Amino acid sequence: MKVKAIHHPDQRPSEPNSKFEIESREDYALALDRLKALEAGERSDDEEAEVSALKKAVRAWDRWHDRKLA
């Protein structure tokens, strides 16, 4: 799974600093496992941003996979 750190001086603090790109089924499974682990307890602000970025990557994978199967 690719992780890109984004550092923009004009970026709002509420926007995540990382972007994940899921490239395989194995990456997808790893992303889901990480989300489960993060959602199991309290999260720091950085972990909250990671959850947001992972969910965005999972949704992108799901859309791509659905179009591929259609």
N, C-alpha and C. Protein backbone atom coordinates (compact mmCIF):
# COMPACT_ATOMS: atom_id res chain seq x y z
N MET A 1 0.86 -1.16 0.00
CA MET A 1 0.00 0.00 0.00
C MET A 1 0.91 1.22 0.00
N LYS A 2 0.64 2.13 -0.89
CA LYS A 2 1.41 3.36 -0.94
C LYS A 2 0.86 4.36 0.07
N VAL A 3 1.76 5.05 0.71
CA VAL A 3 1.38 6.13 1.61
C VAL A 3 2.11 7.37 1.14
N LYS A 4 1.36 8.42 0.91
CA LYS A 4 1.96 9.68 0.49
C LYS A 4 1.74 10.71 1.59
N ALA A 5 2.82 11.33 2.03
CA ALA A 5 2.70 12.42 2.99
C ALA A 5 2.47 13.71 2.20
N ILE A 6 1.49 14.46 2.63
CA ILE A 6 1.15 15.70 1.96
C ILE A 6 1.48 16.85 2.91
N HIS A 7 2.31 17.76 2.47
CA HIS A 7 2.68 18.89 3.30
C HIS A 7 2.45 20.18 2.50
N HIS A 8 1.32 20.78 2.72
CA HIS A 8 0.99 22.04 2.07
C HIS A 8 0.89 23.11 3.14
N PRO A 9 1.58 24.22 2.98
CA PRO A 9 1.52 25.26 4.01
C PRO A 9 0.12 25.85 4.19
N ASP A 10 -0.69 25.82 3.14
CA ASP A 10 -2.04 26.39 3.24
C ASP A 10 -3.09 25.34 3.57
N GLN A 11 -2.66 24.13 3.92
CA GLN A 11 -3.58 23.04 4.23
C GLN A 11 -4.28 23.32 5.56
N ARG A 12 -5.56 23.05 5.59
CA ARG A 12 -6.33 23.20 6.83
C ARG A 12 -5.94 22.10 7.80
N PRO A 13 -5.91 22.41 9.10
CA PRO A 13 -5.53 21.38 10.09
C PRO A 13 -6.46 20.17 10.10
N SER A 14 -7.71 20.35 9.67
CA SER A 14 -8.65 19.23 9.69
C SER A 14 -8.41 18.24 8.56
N GLU A 15 -7.61 18.60 7.58
CA GLU A 15 -7.34 17.71 6.46
C GLU A 15 -6.22 16.74 6.83
N PRO A 16 -6.35 15.47 6.44
CA PRO A 16 -5.30 14.51 6.78
C PRO A 16 -3.99 14.83 6.07
N ASN A 17 -2.87 14.50 6.74
CA ASN A 17 -1.55 14.74 6.16
C ASN A 17 -1.06 13.57 5.34
N SER A 18 -1.80 12.50 5.31
CA SER A 18 -1.40 11.31 4.57
C SER A 18 -2.49 10.91 3.60
N LYS A 19 -2.06 10.30 2.52
CA LYS A 19 -2.99 9.74 1.54
C LYS A 19 -2.55 8.32 1.28
N PHE A 20 -3.50 7.40 1.37
CA PHE A 20 -3.21 6.00 1.11
C PHE A 20 -3.74 5.61 -0.25
N GLU A 21 -3.00 4.76 -0.94
CA GLU A 21 -3.45 4.20 -2.21
C GLU A 21 -3.40 2.67 -2.09
N ILE A 22 -4.55 2.05 -2.19
CA ILE A 22 -4.62 0.60 -2.12
C ILE A 22 -4.41 0.05 -3.52
N GLU A 23 -3.42 -0.83 -3.65
CA GLU A 23 -3.05 -1.34 -4.98
C GLU A 23 -3.36 -2.82 -5.18
N SER A 24 -3.74 -3.52 -4.12
CA SER A 24 -3.99 -4.95 -4.25
C SER A 24 -4.98 -5.41 -3.19
N ARG A 25 -5.46 -6.63 -3.35
CA ARG A 25 -6.37 -7.20 -2.35
C ARG A 25 -5.68 -7.33 -1.00
N GLU A 26 -4.39 -7.61 -1.03
CA GLU A 26 -3.63 -7.71 0.22
C GLU A 26 -3.58 -6.36 0.93
N ASP A 27 -3.35 -5.29 0.16
CA ASP A 27 -3.37 -3.94 0.73
C ASP A 27 -4.74 -3.62 1.32
N TYR A 28 -5.78 -4.02 0.61
CA TYR A 28 -7.15 -3.78 1.07
C TYR A 28 -7.38 -4.48 2.41
N ALA A 29 -6.94 -5.72 2.52
CA ALA A 29 -7.10 -6.46 3.78
C ALA A 29 -6.29 -5.80 4.90
N LEU A 30 -5.08 -5.34 4.59
CA LEU A 30 -4.27 -4.65 5.59
C LEU A 30 -4.93 -3.35 6.04
N ALA A 31 -5.52 -2.62 5.11
CA ALA A 31 -6.20 -1.37 5.45
C ALA A 31 -7.39 -1.64 6.36
N LEU A 32 -8.16 -2.68 6.06
CA LEU A 32 -9.31 -3.02 6.91
C LEU A 32 -8.85 -3.45 8.30
N ASP A 33 -7.78 -4.22 8.37
CA ASP A 33 -7.25 -4.64 9.68
C ASP A 33 -6.79 -3.43 10.50
N ARG A 34 -6.11 -2.50 9.83
CA ARG A 34 -5.63 -1.30 10.52
C ARG A 34 -6.81 -0.46 11.01
N LEU A 35 -7.84 -0.33 10.19
CA LEU A 35 -9.03 0.42 10.61
C LEU A 35 -9.67 -0.21 11.84
N LYS A 36 -9.80 -1.53 11.84
CA LYS A 36 -10.38 -2.22 13.00
C LYS A 36 -9.56 -1.94 14.25
N ALA A 37 -8.24 -1.99 14.12
CA ALA A 37 -7.37 -1.75 15.27
C ALA A 37 -7.51 -0.31 15.77
N LEU A 38 -7.56 0.63 14.86
CA LEU A 38 -7.68 2.03 15.25
C LEU A 38 -9.04 2.34 15.86
N GLU A 39 -10.08 1.70 15.36
CA GLU A 39 -11.43 1.98 15.83
C GLU A 39 -11.74 1.27 17.15
N ALA A 40 -10.84 0.41 17.61
CA ALA A 40 -11.08 -0.36 18.83
C ALA A 40 -10.87 0.47 20.09
N GLY A 41 -10.17 1.58 20.01
CA GLY A 41 -9.89 2.35 21.21
C GLY A 41 -9.92 3.84 20.94
N GLU A 42 -9.45 4.59 21.93
CA GLU A 42 -9.37 6.03 21.77
C GLU A 42 -8.24 6.36 20.80
N ARG A 43 -8.42 7.47 20.08
CA ARG A 43 -7.43 7.83 19.06
C ARG A 43 -6.91 9.24 19.30
N SER A 44 -5.64 9.42 18.94
CA SER A 44 -5.05 10.75 18.95
C SER A 44 -5.49 11.48 17.68
N ASP A 45 -5.15 12.74 17.58
CA ASP A 45 -5.50 13.50 16.37
C ASP A 45 -4.84 12.89 15.13
N ASP A 46 -3.59 12.46 15.27
CA ASP A 46 -2.90 11.83 14.14
C ASP A 46 -3.58 10.53 13.72
N GLU A 47 -3.99 9.75 14.70
CA GLU A 47 -4.67 8.50 14.38
C GLU A 47 -6.05 8.76 13.77
N GLU A 48 -6.70 9.81 14.21
CA GLU A 48 -7.98 10.19 13.63
C GLU A 48 -7.80 10.56 12.15
N ALA A 49 -6.71 11.26 11.85
CA ALA A 49 -6.41 11.61 10.45
C ALA A 49 -6.09 10.35 9.65
N GLU A 50 -5.40 9.40 10.27
CA GLU A 50 -5.08 8.13 9.60
C GLU A 50 -6.36 7.37 9.27
N VAL A 51 -7.30 7.33 10.22
CA VAL A 51 -8.58 6.67 10.00
C VAL A 51 -9.29 7.31 8.81
N SER A 52 -9.33 8.63 8.77
CA SER A 52 -9.98 9.33 7.69
C SER A 52 -9.35 9.00 6.34
N ALA A 53 -8.01 9.01 6.29
CA ALA A 53 -7.30 8.72 5.04
C ALA A 53 -7.50 7.26 4.62
N LEU A 54 -7.49 6.34 5.59
CA LEU A 54 -7.72 4.92 5.26
C LEU A 54 -9.13 4.69 4.73
N LYS A 55 -10.12 5.32 5.37
CA LYS A 55 -11.50 5.15 4.91
C LYS A 55 -11.66 5.69 3.49
N LYS A 56 -11.01 6.80 3.20
CA LYS A 56 -11.08 7.37 1.85
C LYS A 56 -10.46 6.40 0.84
N ALA A 57 -9.33 5.78 1.20
CA ALA A 57 -8.68 4.82 0.31
C ALA A 57 -9.53 3.58 0.10
N VAL A 58 -10.17 3.11 1.17
CA VAL A 58 -11.04 1.92 1.07
C VAL A 58 -12.24 2.23 0.17
N ARG A 59 -12.84 3.40 0.34
CA ARG A 59 -13.97 3.77 -0.53
C ARG A 59 -13.54 3.85 -2.00
N ALA A 60 -12.35 4.42 -2.24
CA ALA A 60 -11.85 4.49 -3.62
C ALA A 60 -11.64 3.10 -4.20
N TRP A 61 -11.07 2.20 -3.40
CA TRP A 61 -10.88 0.81 -3.86
C TRP A 61 -12.22 0.16 -4.14
N ASP A 62 -13.19 0.34 -3.24
CA ASP A 62 -14.51 -0.27 -3.43
C ASP A 62 -15.16 0.24 -4.72
N ARG A 63 -15.08 1.53 -4.97
CA ARG A 63 -15.65 2.08 -6.23
C ARG A 63 -14.95 1.50 -7.44
N TRP A 64 -13.62 1.46 -7.41
CA TRP A 64 -12.86 0.92 -8.54
C TRP A 64 -13.20 -0.56 -8.74
N HIS A 65 -13.25 -1.31 -7.65
CA HIS A 65 -13.54 -2.75 -7.74
C HIS A 65 -14.95 -3.00 -8.26
N ASP A 66 -15.92 -2.20 -7.80
CA ASP A 66 -17.30 -2.35 -8.28
C ASP A 66 -17.41 -2.07 -9.78
N ARG A 67 -16.70 -1.04 -10.25
CA ARG A 67 -16.73 -0.73 -11.69
C ARG A 67 -16.06 -1.87 -12.49
N LYS A 68 -15.01 -2.43 -11.94
CA LYS A 68 -14.30 -3.50 -12.61
C LYS A 68 -15.18 -4.74 -12.76
N LEU A 69 -16.01 -5.01 -11.75
CA LEU A 69 -16.88 -6.18 -11.77
C LEU A 69 -18.16 -5.97 -12.58
N ALA A 70 -18.51 -4.71 -12.82
CA ALA A 70 -19.78 -4.41 -13.52
C ALA A 70 -19.70 -4.73 -14.99
